[in-house]
């Protein structure tokens, strides 16, 4: 009987012999999901760059400088 191995946080470790080969559908689904995720990331970053307003944080810098002058 083979002893089951656990990592320090209690998760069971799977040996290389226990893994089954992935099916074509599983690989395709993984690639589609990964592509969708990164396209959403790129879309959000591009939207933020397109609609960024530089003056939005001017009020915060005034408050931060006031707080700094009060503390130091």
PDB file of N, CA and C in Angstrom:
ATOM      1  N   UNK A   1       0.845  -1.178   0.000  1.00  0.00           N
ATOM      2  CA  UNK A   1       0.000   0.000   0.000  1.00  0.00           C
ATOM      3  C   UNK A   1       0.888   1.239   0.000  1.00  0.00           C
ATOM      4  N   UNK A   2       0.567   2.178  -0.864  1.00  0.00           N
ATOM      5  CA  UNK A   2       1.345   3.406  -0.984  1.00  0.00           C
ATOM      6  C   UNK A   2       0.833   4.444   0.007  1.00  0.00           C
ATOM      7  N   UNK A   3       1.767   5.150   0.624  1.00  0.00           N
ATOM      8  CA  UNK A   3       1.386   6.198   1.567  1.00  0.00           C
ATOM      9  C   UNK A   3       1.003   7.449   0.797  1.00  0.00           C
ATOM     10  N   UNK A   4      -0.052   8.106   1.233  1.00  0.00           N
ATOM     11  CA  UNK A   4      -0.496   9.344   0.612  1.00  0.00           C
ATOM     12  C   UNK A   4       0.345  10.483   1.160  1.00  0.00           C
ATOM     13  N   UNK A   5       0.797  11.356   0.268  1.00  0.00           N
ATOM     14  CA  UNK A   5       1.628  12.488   0.687  1.00  0.00           C
ATOM     15  C   UNK A   5       0.769  13.742   0.762  1.00  0.00           C
ATOM     16  N   UNK A   6       1.111  14.603   1.734  1.00  0.00           N
ATOM     17  CA  UNK A   6       0.404  15.861   1.930  1.00  0.00           C
ATOM     18  C   UNK A   6       1.419  16.987   1.969  1.00  0.00           C
ATOM     19  N   UNK A   7       1.025  18.148   1.457  1.00  0.00           N
ATOM     20  CA  UNK A   7       1.874  19.325   1.562  1.00  0.00           C
ATOM     21  C   UNK A   7       1.675  19.939   2.937  1.00  0.00           C
ATOM     22  N   UNK A   8       2.478  20.949   3.315  1.00  0.00           N
ATOM     23  CA  UNK A   8       2.385  21.523   4.663  1.00  0.00           C
ATOM     24  C   UNK A   8       1.013  22.090   5.017  1.00  0.00           C
ATOM     25  N   UNK A   9       0.210  22.505   4.039  1.00  0.00           N
ATOM     26  CA  UNK A   9      -1.089  23.083   4.344  1.00  0.00           C
ATOM     27  C   UNK A   9      -2.202  22.059   4.304  1.00  0.00           C
ATOM     28  N   UNK A  10      -1.874  20.778   4.181  1.00  0.00           N
ATOM     29  CA  UNK A  10      -2.869  19.727   4.268  1.00  0.00           C
ATOM     30  C   UNK A  10      -3.448  19.257   2.955  1.00  0.00           C
ATOM     31  N   UNK A  11      -3.039  19.857   1.837  1.00  0.00           N
ATOM     32  CA  UNK A  11      -3.550  19.419   0.540  1.00  0.00           C
ATOM     33  C   UNK A  11      -2.838  18.134   0.127  1.00  0.00           C
ATOM     34  N   UNK A  12      -3.602  17.236  -0.456  1.00  0.00           N
ATOM     35  CA  UNK A  12      -3.019  15.985  -0.904  1.00  0.00           C
ATOM     36  C   UNK A  12      -2.205  16.223  -2.173  1.00  0.00           C
ATOM     37  N   UNK A  13      -0.984  15.683  -2.196  1.00  0.00           N
ATOM     38  CA  UNK A  13      -0.131  15.813  -3.367  1.00  0.00           C
ATOM     39  C   UNK A  13      -0.465  14.696  -4.347  1.00  0.00           C
ATOM     40  N   UNK A  14      -0.553  15.050  -5.604  1.00  0.00           N
ATOM     41  CA  UNK A  14      -0.856  14.079  -6.640  1.00  0.00           C
ATOM     42  C   UNK A  14       0.448  13.748  -7.352  1.00  0.00           C
ATOM     43  N   UNK A  15       0.756  12.478  -7.436  1.00  0.00           N
ATOM     44  CA  UNK A  15       1.988  12.086  -8.112  1.00  0.00           C
ATOM     45  C   UNK A  15       1.790  12.133  -9.619  1.00  0.00           C
ATOM     46  N   UNK A  16       2.889  12.091 -10.359  1.00  0.00           N
ATOM     47  CA  UNK A  16       2.831  12.172 -11.815  1.00  0.00           C
ATOM     48  C   UNK A  16       2.135  10.959 -12.414  1.00  0.00           C
ATOM     49  N   UNK A  17       2.161   9.847 -11.728  1.00  0.00           N
ATOM     50  CA  UNK A  17       1.521   8.646 -12.264  1.00  0.00           C
ATOM     51  C   UNK A  17       0.014   8.672 -12.075  1.00  0.00           C
ATOM     52  N   UNK A  18      -0.488   9.493 -11.152  1.00  0.00           N
ATOM     53  CA  UNK A  18      -1.921   9.559 -10.880  1.00  0.00           C
ATOM     54  C   UNK A  18      -2.674  10.456 -11.850  1.00  0.00           C
ATOM     55  N   UNK A  19      -1.977  11.354 -12.530  1.00  0.00           N
ATOM     56  CA  UNK A  19      -2.658  12.298 -13.413  1.00  0.00           C
ATOM     57  C   UNK A  19      -3.078  11.621 -14.701  1.00  0.00           C
ATOM     58  N   UNK A  20      -4.246  11.986 -15.155  1.00  0.00           N
ATOM     59  CA  UNK A  20      -4.754  11.449 -16.406  1.00  0.00           C
ATOM     60  C   UNK A  20      -4.536  12.485 -17.495  1.00  0.00           C
ATOM     61  N   UNK A  21      -4.298  12.052 -18.728  1.00  0.00           N
ATOM     62  CA  UNK A  21      -4.121  13.030 -19.801  1.00  0.00           C
ATOM     63  C   UNK A  21      -5.402  13.819 -20.025  1.00  0.00           C
ATOM     64  N   UNK A  22      -5.250  15.098 -20.315  1.00  0.00           N
ATOM     65  CA  UNK A  22      -6.408  15.955 -20.536  1.00  0.00           C
ATOM     66  C   UNK A  22      -7.025  15.668 -21.895  1.00  0.00           C
ATOM     67  N   UNK A  23      -8.316  15.809 -21.962  1.00  0.00           N
ATOM     68  CA  UNK A  23      -9.008  15.596 -23.227  1.00  0.00           C
ATOM     69  C   UNK A  23      -8.861  16.831 -24.118  1.00  0.00           C
ATOM     70  N   UNK A  24      -9.205  16.693 -25.394  1.00  0.00           N
ATOM     71  CA  UNK A  24      -9.128  17.822 -26.330  1.00  0.00           C
ATOM     72  C   UNK A  24     -10.080  18.930 -25.921  1.00  0.00           C
ATOM     73  N   UNK A  25     -11.276  18.536 -25.461  1.00  0.00           N
ATOM     74  CA  UNK A  25     -12.254  19.539 -25.037  1.00  0.00           C
ATOM     75  C   UNK A  25     -11.778  20.336 -23.845  1.00  0.00           C
ATOM     76  N   UNK A  26     -11.106  19.666 -22.927  1.00  0.00           N
ATOM     77  CA  UNK A  26     -10.596  20.344 -21.747  1.00  0.00           C
ATOM     78  C   UNK A  26      -9.508  21.344 -22.123  1.00  0.00           C
ATOM     79  N   UNK A  27      -8.622  20.942 -23.013  1.00  0.00           N
ATOM     80  CA  UNK A  27      -7.558  21.853 -23.460  1.00  0.00           C
ATOM     81  C   UNK A  27      -8.145  23.045 -24.195  1.00  0.00           C
ATOM     82  N   UNK A  28      -9.140  22.792 -25.041  1.00  0.00           N
ATOM     83  CA  UNK A  28      -9.775  23.870 -25.789  1.00  0.00           C
ATOM     84  C   UNK A  28     -10.480  24.843 -24.847  1.00  0.00           C
ATOM     85  N   UNK A  29     -11.188  24.309 -23.873  1.00  0.00           N
ATOM     86  CA  UNK A  29     -11.891  25.157 -22.908  1.00  0.00           C
ATOM     87  C   UNK A  29     -10.903  26.001 -22.099  1.00  0.00           C
ATOM     88  N   UNK A  30      -9.771  25.408 -21.735  1.00  0.00           N
ATOM     89  CA  UNK A  30      -8.754  26.152 -21.005  1.00  0.00           C
ATOM     90  C   UNK A  30      -8.208  27.293 -21.849  1.00  0.00           C
ATOM     91  N   UNK A  31      -7.931  27.046 -23.118  1.00  0.00           N
ATOM     92  CA  UNK A  31      -7.410  28.099 -23.994  1.00  0.00           C
ATOM     93  C   UNK A  31      -8.439  29.193 -24.248  1.00  0.00           C
ATOM     94  N   UNK A  32      -9.697  28.818 -24.430  1.00  0.00           N
ATOM     95  CA  UNK A  32     -10.750  29.810 -24.655  1.00  0.00           C
ATOM     96  C   UNK A  32     -10.923  30.681 -23.413  1.00  0.00           C
ATOM     97  N   UNK A  33     -10.935  30.054 -22.253  1.00  0.00           N
ATOM     98  CA  UNK A  33     -11.074  30.812 -21.006  1.00  0.00           C
ATOM     99  C   UNK A  33      -9.911  31.753 -20.765  1.00  0.00           C
ATOM    100  N   UNK A  34      -8.702  31.269 -21.042  1.00  0.00           N
ATOM    101  CA  UNK A  34      -7.520  32.108 -20.869  1.00  0.00           C
ATOM    102  C   UNK A  34      -7.542  33.273 -21.852  1.00  0.00           C
ATOM    103  N   UNK A  35      -7.919  33.009 -23.091  1.00  0.00           N
ATOM    104  CA  UNK A  35      -8.001  34.081 -24.083  1.00  0.00           C
ATOM    105  C   UNK A  35      -9.049  35.114 -23.719  1.00  0.00           C
ATOM    106  N   UNK A  36     -10.199  34.656 -23.227  1.00  0.00           N
ATOM    107  CA  UNK A  36     -11.250  35.577 -22.806  1.00  0.00           C
ATOM    108  C   UNK A  36     -10.790  36.441 -21.639  1.00  0.00           C
ATOM    109  N   UNK A  37     -10.120  35.825 -20.672  1.00  0.00           N
ATOM    110  CA  UNK A  37      -9.628  36.568 -19.518  1.00  0.00           C
ATOM    111  C   UNK A  37      -8.666  37.678 -19.945  1.00  0.00           C
ATOM    112  N   UNK A  38      -7.666  37.327 -20.769  1.00  0.00           N
ATOM    113  CA  UNK A  38      -6.665  38.321 -21.150  1.00  0.00           C
ATOM    114  C   UNK A  38      -7.232  39.374 -22.087  1.00  0.00           C
ATOM    115  N   UNK A  39      -8.221  39.025 -22.892  1.00  0.00           N
ATOM    116  CA  UNK A  39      -8.844  40.055 -23.733  1.00  0.00           C
ATOM    117  C   UNK A  39      -9.654  41.027 -22.871  1.00  0.00           C
ATOM    118  N   UNK A  40     -10.285  40.539 -21.818  1.00  0.00           N
ATOM    119  CA  UNK A  40     -10.977  41.445 -20.890  1.00  0.00           C
ATOM    120  C   UNK A  40      -9.983  42.351 -20.173  1.00  0.00           C
ATOM    121  N   UNK A  41      -8.853  41.804 -19.765  1.00  0.00           N
ATOM    122  CA  UNK A  41      -7.819  42.619 -19.111  1.00  0.00           C
ATOM    123  C   UNK A  41      -7.342  43.716 -20.056  1.00  0.00           C
ATOM    124  N   UNK A  42      -7.047  43.348 -21.304  1.00  0.00           N
ATOM    125  CA  UNK A  42      -6.581  44.335 -22.279  1.00  0.00           C
ATOM    126  C   UNK A  42      -7.660  45.384 -22.537  1.00  0.00           C
ATOM    127  N   UNK A  43      -8.917  44.978 -22.628  1.00  0.00           N
ATOM    128  CA  UNK A  43     -10.008  45.929 -22.842  1.00  0.00           C
ATOM    129  C   UNK A  43     -10.156  46.911 -21.697  1.00  0.00           C
ATOM    130  N   UNK A  44     -10.027  46.424 -20.486  1.00  0.00           N
ATOM    131  CA  UNK A  44     -10.147  47.309 -19.317  1.00  0.00           C
ATOM    132  C   UNK A  44      -8.987  48.299 -19.280  1.00  0.00           C
ATOM    133  N   UNK A  45      -7.777  47.808 -19.547  1.00  0.00           N
ATOM    134  CA  UNK A  45      -6.611  48.704 -19.533  1.00  0.00           C
ATOM    135  C   UNK A  45      -6.723  49.757 -20.627  1.00  0.00           C
ATOM    136  N   UNK A  46      -7.140  49.365 -21.823  1.00  0.00           N
ATOM    137  CA  UNK A  46      -7.296  50.328 -22.911  1.00  0.00           C
ATOM    138  C   UNK A  46      -8.406  51.334 -22.622  1.00  0.00           C
ATOM    139  N   UNK A  47      -9.499  50.877 -22.012  1.00  0.00           N
ATOM    140  CA  UNK A  47     -10.586  51.793 -21.662  1.00  0.00           C
ATOM    141  C   UNK A  47     -10.137  52.794 -20.596  1.00  0.00           C
ATOM    142  N   UNK A  48      -9.350  52.305 -19.633  1.00  0.00           N
ATOM    143  CA  UNK A  48      -8.840  53.221 -18.611  1.00  0.00           C
ATOM    144  C   UNK A  48      -7.905  54.257 -19.226  1.00  0.00           C
ATOM    145  N   UNK A  49      -7.094  53.832 -20.180  1.00  0.00           N
ATOM    146  CA  UNK A  49      -6.173  54.770 -20.836  1.00  0.00           C
ATOM    147  C   UNK A  49      -6.932  55.772 -21.694  1.00  0.00           C
ATOM    148  N   UNK A  50      -8.007  55.335 -22.342  1.00  0.00           N
ATOM    149  CA  UNK A  50      -8.759  56.219 -23.233  1.00  0.00           C
ATOM    150  C   UNK A  50      -9.570  57.255 -22.458  1.00  0.00           C
ATOM    151  N   UNK A  51     -10.113  56.885 -21.319  1.00  0.00           N
ATOM    152  CA  UNK A  51     -10.998  57.778 -20.580  1.00  0.00           C
ATOM    153  C   UNK A  51     -10.369  58.352 -19.313  1.00  0.00           C
ATOM    154  N   UNK A  52      -9.046  58.323 -19.217  1.00  0.00           N
ATOM    155  CA  UNK A  52      -8.366  58.840 -18.032  1.00  0.00           C
ATOM    156  C   UNK A  52      -8.408  60.355 -18.021  1.00  0.00           C
ATOM    157  N   UNK A  53      -8.776  60.917 -16.902  1.00  0.00           N
ATOM    158  CA  UNK A  53      -8.792  62.366 -16.730  1.00  0.00           C
ATOM    159  C   UNK A  53      -7.680  62.746 -15.761  1.00  0.00           C
ATOM    160  N   UNK A  54      -6.671  63.476 -16.206  1.00  0.00           N
ATOM    161  CA  UNK A  54      -5.522  63.779 -15.343  1.00  0.00           C
ATOM    162  C   UNK A  54      -5.860  64.615 -14.116  1.00  0.00           C
ATOM    163  N   UNK A  55      -6.885  65.429 -14.171  1.00  0.00           N
ATOM    164  CA  UNK A  55      -7.190  66.306 -13.046  1.00  0.00           C
ATOM    165  C   UNK A  55      -8.014  65.667 -11.946  1.00  0.00           C
ATOM    166  N   UNK A  56      -8.348  64.407 -12.062  1.00  0.00           N
ATOM    167  CA  UNK A  56      -9.224  63.767 -11.080  1.00  0.00           C
ATOM    168  C   UNK A  56      -8.586  63.719  -9.701  1.00  0.00           C
ATOM    169  N   UNK A  57      -7.281  63.509  -9.643  1.00  0.00           N
ATOM    170  CA  UNK A  57      -6.628  63.308  -8.350  1.00  0.00           C
ATOM    171  C   UNK A  57      -5.980  64.577  -7.802  1.00  0.00           C
ATOM    172  N   UNK A  58      -6.262  65.739  -8.371  1.00  0.00           N
ATOM    173  CA  UNK A  58      -5.689  66.978  -7.857  1.00  0.00           C
ATOM    174  C   UNK A  58      -6.195  67.291  -6.451  1.00  0.00           C
ATOM    175  N   UNK A  59      -7.450  67.019  -6.190  1.00  0.00           N
ATOM    176  CA  UNK A  59      -8.005  67.263  -4.861  1.00  0.00           C
ATOM    177  C   UNK A  59      -7.331  66.402  -3.809  1.00  0.00           C
ATOM    178  N   UNK A  60      -7.006  65.180  -4.152  1.00  0.00           N
ATOM    179  CA  UNK A  60      -6.328  64.289  -3.216  1.00  0.00           C
ATOM    180  C   UNK A  60      -4.923  64.790  -2.896  1.00  0.00           C
ATOM    181  N   UNK A  61      -4.224  65.320  -3.882  1.00  0.00           N
ATOM    182  CA  UNK A  61      -2.860  65.810  -3.628  1.00  0.00           C
ATOM    183  C   UNK A  61      -2.893  67.022  -2.691  1.00  0.00           C
ATOM    184  N   UNK A  62      -3.929  67.856  -2.803  1.00  0.00           N
ATOM    185  CA  UNK A  62      -4.053  68.995  -1.875  1.00  0.00           C
ATOM    186  C   UNK A  62      -4.304  68.504  -0.457  1.00  0.00           C
ATOM    187  N   UNK A  63      -5.171  67.513  -0.311  1.00  0.00           N
ATOM    188  CA  UNK A  63      -5.454  66.958   1.019  1.00  0.00           C
ATOM    189  C   UNK A  63      -4.210  66.276   1.571  1.00  0.00           C
ATOM    190  N   UNK A  64      -3.475  65.557   0.736  1.00  0.00           N
ATOM    191  CA  UNK A  64      -2.265  64.879   1.188  1.00  0.00           C
ATOM    192  C   UNK A  64      -1.199  65.883   1.619  1.00  0.00           C
ATOM    193  N   UNK A  65      -1.041  66.976   0.880  1.00  0.00           N
ATOM    194  CA  UNK A  65      -0.042  67.976   1.272  1.00  0.00           C
ATOM    195  C   UNK A  65      -0.460  68.681   2.554  1.00  0.00           C
ATOM    196  N   UNK A  66      -1.747  68.919   2.746  1.00  0.00           N
ATOM    197  CA  UNK A  66      -2.229  69.515   3.994  1.00  0.00           C
ATOM    198  C   UNK A  66      -1.967  68.578   5.172  1.00  0.00           C
ATOM    199  N   UNK A  67      -2.247  67.296   4.992  1.00  0.00           N
ATOM    200  CA  UNK A  67      -2.002  66.325   6.061  1.00  0.00           C
ATOM    201  C   UNK A  67      -0.514  66.229   6.361  1.00  0.00           C
ATOM    202  N   UNK A  68       0.310  66.266   5.338  1.00  0.00           N
ATOM    203  CA  UNK A  68       1.755  66.197   5.552  1.00  0.00           C
ATOM    204  C   UNK A  68       2.255  67.411   6.303  1.00  0.00           C
ATOM    205  N   UNK A  69       1.712  68.602   5.973  1.00  0.00           N
ATOM    206  CA  UNK A  69       2.142  69.809   6.678  1.00  0.00           C
ATOM    207  C   UNK A  69       1.693  69.804   8.133  1.00  0.00           C
ATOM    208  N   UNK A  70       0.546  69.173   8.421  1.00  0.00           N
ATOM    209  CA  UNK A  70       0.077  69.088   9.793  1.00  0.00           C
ATOM    210  C   UNK A  70       0.896  68.093  10.615  1.00  0.00           C
ATOM    211  N   UNK A  71       1.344  67.019   9.978  1.00  0.00           N
ATOM    212  CA  UNK A  71       2.082  65.976  10.696  1.00  0.00           C
ATOM    213  C   UNK A  71       3.538  66.361  10.890  1.00  0.00           C
ATOM    214  N   UNK A  72       4.162  66.907   9.844  1.00  0.00           N
ATOM    215  CA  UNK A  72       5.608  67.186   9.928  1.00  0.00           C
ATOM    216  C   UNK A  72       5.887  68.615  10.094  1.00  0.00           C
TER     217      UNK A  72
END
